[in-house]
C-alpha atoms as a PDB file:
ATOM      1  CA  UNK A   1     -15.774 -18.564 -22.085  1.00  0.00           C
ATOM      2  CA  UNK A   2     -14.393 -19.140 -18.577  1.00  0.00           C
ATOM      3  CA  UNK A   3     -15.508 -16.412 -16.166  1.00  0.00           C
ATOM      4  CA  UNK A   4     -14.379 -15.843 -12.570  1.00  0.00           C
ATOM      5  CA  UNK A   5     -16.883 -15.486  -9.782  1.00  0.00           C
ATOM      6  CA  UNK A   6     -16.022 -11.776  -9.901  1.00  0.00           C
ATOM      7  CA  UNK A   7     -17.196 -11.635 -13.556  1.00  0.00           C
ATOM      8  CA  UNK A   8     -13.796 -11.359 -15.263  1.00  0.00           C
ATOM      9  CA  UNK A   9     -12.985 -13.378 -18.378  1.00  0.00           C
ATOM     10  CA  UNK A  10     -10.470 -16.101 -17.496  1.00  0.00           C
ATOM     11  CA  UNK A  11     -10.379 -17.791 -20.892  1.00  0.00           C
ATOM     12  CA  UNK A  12      -6.705 -18.678 -21.452  1.00  0.00           C
ATOM     13  CA  UNK A  13      -5.032 -16.512 -24.066  1.00  0.00           C
ATOM     14  CA  UNK A  14      -3.597 -18.079 -27.206  1.00  0.00           C
ATOM     15  CA  UNK A  15       0.128 -17.908 -27.918  1.00  0.00           C
ATOM     16  CA  UNK A  16      -0.683 -15.430 -30.696  1.00  0.00           C
ATOM     17  CA  UNK A  17      -2.563 -13.162 -28.249  1.00  0.00           C
ATOM     18  CA  UNK A  18       0.284 -13.361 -25.726  1.00  0.00           C
ATOM     19  CA  UNK A  19       2.842 -12.547 -28.428  1.00  0.00           C
ATOM     20  CA  UNK A  20       0.821  -9.486 -29.490  1.00  0.00           C
ATOM     21  CA  UNK A  21       0.407  -8.241 -25.898  1.00  0.00           C
ATOM     22  CA  UNK A  22       4.119  -8.819 -25.184  1.00  0.00           C
ATOM     23  CA  UNK A  23       5.046  -6.230 -27.824  1.00  0.00           C
ATOM     24  CA  UNK A  24       4.261  -3.497 -25.271  1.00  0.00           C
ATOM     25  CA  UNK A  25       6.680  -4.950 -22.681  1.00  0.00           C
ATOM     26  CA  UNK A  26      10.247  -3.859 -22.083  1.00  0.00           C
ATOM     27  CA  UNK A  27      12.947  -6.553 -22.399  1.00  0.00           C
ATOM     28  CA  UNK A  28      13.173  -6.789 -18.574  1.00  0.00           C
ATOM     29  CA  UNK A  29       9.387  -7.140 -18.217  1.00  0.00           C
ATOM     30  CA  UNK A  30       9.371  -9.801 -20.935  1.00  0.00           C
ATOM     31  CA  UNK A  31      12.102 -11.771 -19.108  1.00  0.00           C
ATOM     32  CA  UNK A  32      10.175 -11.700 -15.824  1.00  0.00           C
ATOM     33  CA  UNK A  33       6.630 -12.243 -17.120  1.00  0.00           C
ATOM     34  CA  UNK A  34       7.237 -14.718 -19.952  1.00  0.00           C
ATOM     35  CA  UNK A  35      10.387 -16.514 -18.753  1.00  0.00           C
ATOM     36  CA  UNK A  36       9.915 -16.582 -14.944  1.00  0.00           C
ATOM     37  CA  UNK A  37      12.604 -14.046 -14.159  1.00  0.00           C
ATOM     38  CA  UNK A  38      12.913 -12.084 -10.914  1.00  0.00           C
ATOM     39  CA  UNK A  39      13.679  -8.430 -10.435  1.00  0.00           C
ATOM     40  CA  UNK A  40      16.293  -7.447  -7.859  1.00  0.00           C
ATOM     41  CA  UNK A  41      14.921  -6.667  -4.389  1.00  0.00           C
ATOM     42  CA  UNK A  42      14.173  -3.046  -3.450  1.00  0.00           C
ATOM     43  CA  UNK A  43      14.235  -1.812  -7.055  1.00  0.00           C
ATOM     44  CA  UNK A  44      10.656  -2.422  -8.246  1.00  0.00           C
ATOM     45  CA  UNK A  45       8.589   0.665  -8.958  1.00  0.00           C
ATOM     46  CA  UNK A  46       5.545  -0.519  -6.970  1.00  0.00           C
ATOM     47  CA  UNK A  47       7.302  -1.531  -3.763  1.00  0.00           C
ATOM     48  CA  UNK A  48       6.548   1.723  -1.917  1.00  0.00           C
ATOM     49  CA  UNK A  49       3.222   2.522  -3.578  1.00  0.00           C
ATOM     50  CA  UNK A  50       0.622   3.252  -0.889  1.00  0.00           C
ATOM     51  CA  UNK A  51      -2.100   4.727  -3.117  1.00  0.00           C
ATOM     52  CA  UNK A  52      -5.496   2.992  -2.856  1.00  0.00           C
ATOM     53  CA  UNK A  53      -6.274   1.003  -5.974  1.00  0.00           C
ATOM     54  CA  UNK A  54      -5.840  -2.271  -7.788  1.00  0.00           C
ATOM     55  CA  UNK A  55      -2.838  -4.112  -9.222  1.00  0.00           C
ATOM     56  CA  UNK A  56      -3.525  -5.719 -12.598  1.00  0.00           C
ATOM     57  CA  UNK A  57      -1.478  -8.071 -14.757  1.00  0.00           C
ATOM     58  CA  UNK A  58       0.901  -5.972 -16.869  1.00  0.00           C
ATOM     59  CA  UNK A  59       0.361  -8.312 -19.812  1.00  0.00           C
ATOM     60  CA  UNK A  60      -3.421  -8.908 -19.910  1.00  0.00           C
ATOM     61  CA  UNK A  61      -4.817  -6.417 -17.343  1.00  0.00           C
ATOM     62  CA  UNK A  62      -6.659  -8.998 -15.216  1.00  0.00           C
ATOM     63  CA  UNK A  63      -7.135  -7.638 -11.653  1.00  0.00           C
ATOM     64  CA  UNK A  64      -4.761  -9.547  -9.377  1.00  0.00           C
ATOM     65  CA  UNK A  65      -4.312  -7.762  -6.033  1.00  0.00           C
ATOM     66  CA  UNK A  66      -6.017  -4.916  -4.155  1.00  0.00           C
ATOM     67  CA  UNK A  67      -4.030  -2.285  -2.293  1.00  0.00           C
ATOM     68  CA  UNK A  68      -6.052  -3.087   0.859  1.00  0.00           C
ATOM     69  CA  UNK A  69      -4.231  -6.468   1.019  1.00  0.00           C
ATOM     70  CA  UNK A  70      -0.742  -4.983   0.507  1.00  0.00           C
ATOM     71  CA  UNK A  71       1.688  -4.959   3.424  1.00  0.00           C
ATOM     72  CA  UNK A  72       5.327  -4.138   4.110  1.00  0.00           C
ATOM     73  CA  UNK A  73       7.171  -7.457   4.298  1.00  0.00           C
ATOM     74  CA  UNK A  74      10.717  -6.066   4.416  1.00  0.00           C
ATOM     75  CA  UNK A  75      11.721  -8.452   1.614  1.00  0.00           C
ATOM     76  CA  UNK A  76      12.190  -5.856  -1.129  1.00  0.00           C
ATOM     77  CA  UNK A  77       9.227  -6.933  -3.263  1.00  0.00           C
ATOM     78  CA  UNK A  78       5.580  -5.813  -3.161  1.00  0.00           C
ATOM     79  CA  UNK A  79       3.747  -8.229  -0.860  1.00  0.00           C
ATOM     80  CA  UNK A  80       0.075  -9.032  -0.394  1.00  0.00           C
ATOM     81  CA  UNK A  81      -1.734 -11.401   1.970  1.00  0.00           C
ATOM     82  CA  UNK A  82      -4.439 -12.395  -0.528  1.00  0.00           C
ATOM     83  CA  UNK A  83      -5.288 -11.993  -4.220  1.00  0.00           C
ATOM     84  CA  UNK A  84      -8.097  -9.845  -5.618  1.00  0.00           C
ATOM     85  CA  UNK A  85      -9.935 -13.100  -6.289  1.00  0.00           C
ATOM     86  CA  UNK A  86      -8.568 -16.648  -5.890  1.00  0.00           C
ATOM     87  CA  UNK A  87      -9.705 -17.516  -9.429  1.00  0.00           C
ATOM     88  CA  UNK A  88      -7.357 -14.863 -10.871  1.00  0.00           C
ATOM     89  CA  UNK A  89      -4.102 -16.415  -9.636  1.00  0.00           C
ATOM     90  CA  UNK A  90      -2.826 -19.868 -10.581  1.00  0.00           C
ATOM     91  CA  UNK A  91      -0.389 -21.773  -8.360  1.00  0.00           C
ATOM     92  CA  UNK A  92       2.355 -24.099  -9.649  1.00  0.00           C
ATOM     93  CA  UNK A  93       5.162 -26.002  -7.971  1.00  0.00           C
ATOM     94  CA  UNK A  94       8.564 -24.420  -8.649  1.00  0.00           C
ATOM     95  CA  UNK A  95      11.516 -26.687  -7.835  1.00  0.00           C
ATOM     96  CA  UNK A  96      14.183 -24.485  -9.368  1.00  0.00           C
ATOM     97  CA  UNK A  97      17.109 -22.838  -7.581  1.00  0.00           C
ATOM     98  CA  UNK A  98      17.589 -25.785  -5.212  1.00  0.00           C
ATOM     99  CA  UNK A  99      14.307 -25.328  -3.326  1.00  0.00           C
ATOM    100  CA  UNK A 100      10.609 -26.101  -3.654  1.00  0.00           C
ATOM    101  CA  UNK A 101       8.321 -23.067  -3.747  1.00  0.00           C
ATOM    102  CA  UNK A 102       4.863 -22.204  -4.982  1.00  0.00           C
ATOM    103  CA  UNK A 103       4.999 -20.005  -8.072  1.00  0.00           C
ATOM    104  CA  UNK A 104       2.057 -17.759  -8.902  1.00  0.00           C
ATOM    105  CA  UNK A 105       0.940 -16.855 -12.399  1.00  0.00           C
ATOM    106  CA  UNK A 106      -1.888 -14.854 -13.914  1.00  0.00           C
ATOM    107  CA  UNK A 107      -4.791 -17.250 -14.464  1.00  0.00           C
ATOM    108  CA  UNK A 108      -5.655 -15.741 -17.863  1.00  0.00           C
ATOM    109  CA  UNK A 109      -2.335 -15.201 -19.640  1.00  0.00           C
ATOM    110  CA  UNK A 110      -0.009 -17.392 -17.566  1.00  0.00           C
ATOM    111  CA  UNK A 111       2.366 -14.488 -16.890  1.00  0.00           C
ATOM    112  CA  UNK A 112       4.806 -15.070 -14.020  1.00  0.00           C
ATOM    113  CA  UNK A 113       4.001 -12.932 -10.982  1.00  0.00           C
ATOM    114  CA  UNK A 114       6.196 -14.234  -8.173  1.00  0.00           C
ATOM    115  CA  UNK A 115       5.848 -16.775  -5.338  1.00  0.00           C
ATOM    116  CA  UNK A 116       3.736 -17.505  -2.244  1.00  0.00           C
ATOM    117  CA  UNK A 117       5.288 -18.023   1.179  1.00  0.00           C
ATOM    118  CA  UNK A 118       3.670 -19.025   4.460  1.00  0.00           C
ATOM    119  CA  UNK A 119       5.099 -16.179   6.546  1.00  0.00           C
ATOM    120  CA  UNK A 120       2.495 -13.478   5.913  1.00  0.00           C
ATOM    121  CA  UNK A 121       0.187 -11.620   8.273  1.00  0.00           C
ATOM    122  CA  UNK A 122      -3.325 -12.465   9.366  1.00  0.00           C
ATOM    123  CA  UNK A 123      -5.909 -13.246   8.230  1.00  0.00           C
ATOM    124  CA  UNK A 124      -4.304 -15.663   5.706  1.00  0.00           C
ATOM    125  CA  UNK A 125      -0.751 -16.138   6.989  1.00  0.00           C
ATOM    126  CA  UNK A 126       0.370 -15.959   3.339  1.00  0.00           C
ATOM    127  CA  UNK A 127       2.806 -13.626   1.592  1.00  0.00           C
ATOM    128  CA  UNK A 128       2.275 -13.247  -2.135  1.00  0.00           C
ATOM    129  CA  UNK A 129       5.689 -11.882  -3.100  1.00  0.00           C
ATOM    130  CA  UNK A 130       5.451 -10.173  -6.500  1.00  0.00           C
ATOM    131  CA  UNK A 131       7.639  -8.592  -9.137  1.00  0.00           C
ATOM    132  CA  UNK A 132       6.660  -4.969  -9.777  1.00  0.00           C
ATOM    133  CA  UNK A 133       7.426  -5.621 -13.447  1.00  0.00           C
ATOM    134  CA  UNK A 134       4.547  -8.131 -13.568  1.00  0.00           C
ATOM    135  CA  UNK A 135       2.021  -5.578 -12.347  1.00  0.00           C
ATOM    136  CA  UNK A 136       0.427  -2.332 -13.383  1.00  0.00           C
ATOM    137  CA  UNK A 137      -1.240  -0.109 -10.786  1.00  0.00           C
ATOM    138  CA  UNK A 138      -4.681   1.382 -11.396  1.00  0.00           C
ATOM    139  CA  UNK A 139      -6.759   3.646  -9.192  1.00  0.00           C
ATOM    140  CA  UNK A 140      -9.957   1.992 -10.434  1.00  0.00           C
ATOM    141  CA  UNK A 141     -10.985  -1.543 -11.385  1.00  0.00           C
ATOM    142  CA  UNK A 142     -11.043  -2.387 -15.070  1.00  0.00           C
ATOM    143  CA  UNK A 143     -14.520  -3.125 -16.423  1.00  0.00           C
ATOM    144  CA  UNK A 144     -15.012  -6.921 -16.432  1.00  0.00           C
ATOM    145  CA  UNK A 145     -16.940  -6.675 -19.689  1.00  0.00           C
ATOM    146  CA  UNK A 146     -14.137  -4.876 -21.586  1.00  0.00           C
ATOM    147  CA  UNK A 147     -12.078  -8.008 -22.369  1.00  0.00           C
END
């Protein structure tokens, strides 16, 4: 079993497990998470959330971002300057749409989250630009042993 330094199980999910978890998703969430879609700016349900807590993967519930790292980017998507733990987010090169960007996915299930840009605030200078549909907000951390 692969475990992050924050004690969460990072063992990649099987296609069968992903298919089962995807049954709970709406068609729009499925398009974004499983097929690298993007929600329209300023329409995501978590954009204006200011409640302290944690943002987990909507598909597999791995903690991805803490509210303490969230900031208002003005872009229309929830933005964070760092992940909950670097082990929880996987980076890939995305050369679609006529540009080269860094796509971010959940390290456990591979669900599409959004992209990283180098125009964020200190201390990292990064902007993790996410789809609200890829996230679920929780007021408390999930138990790392519950996977």
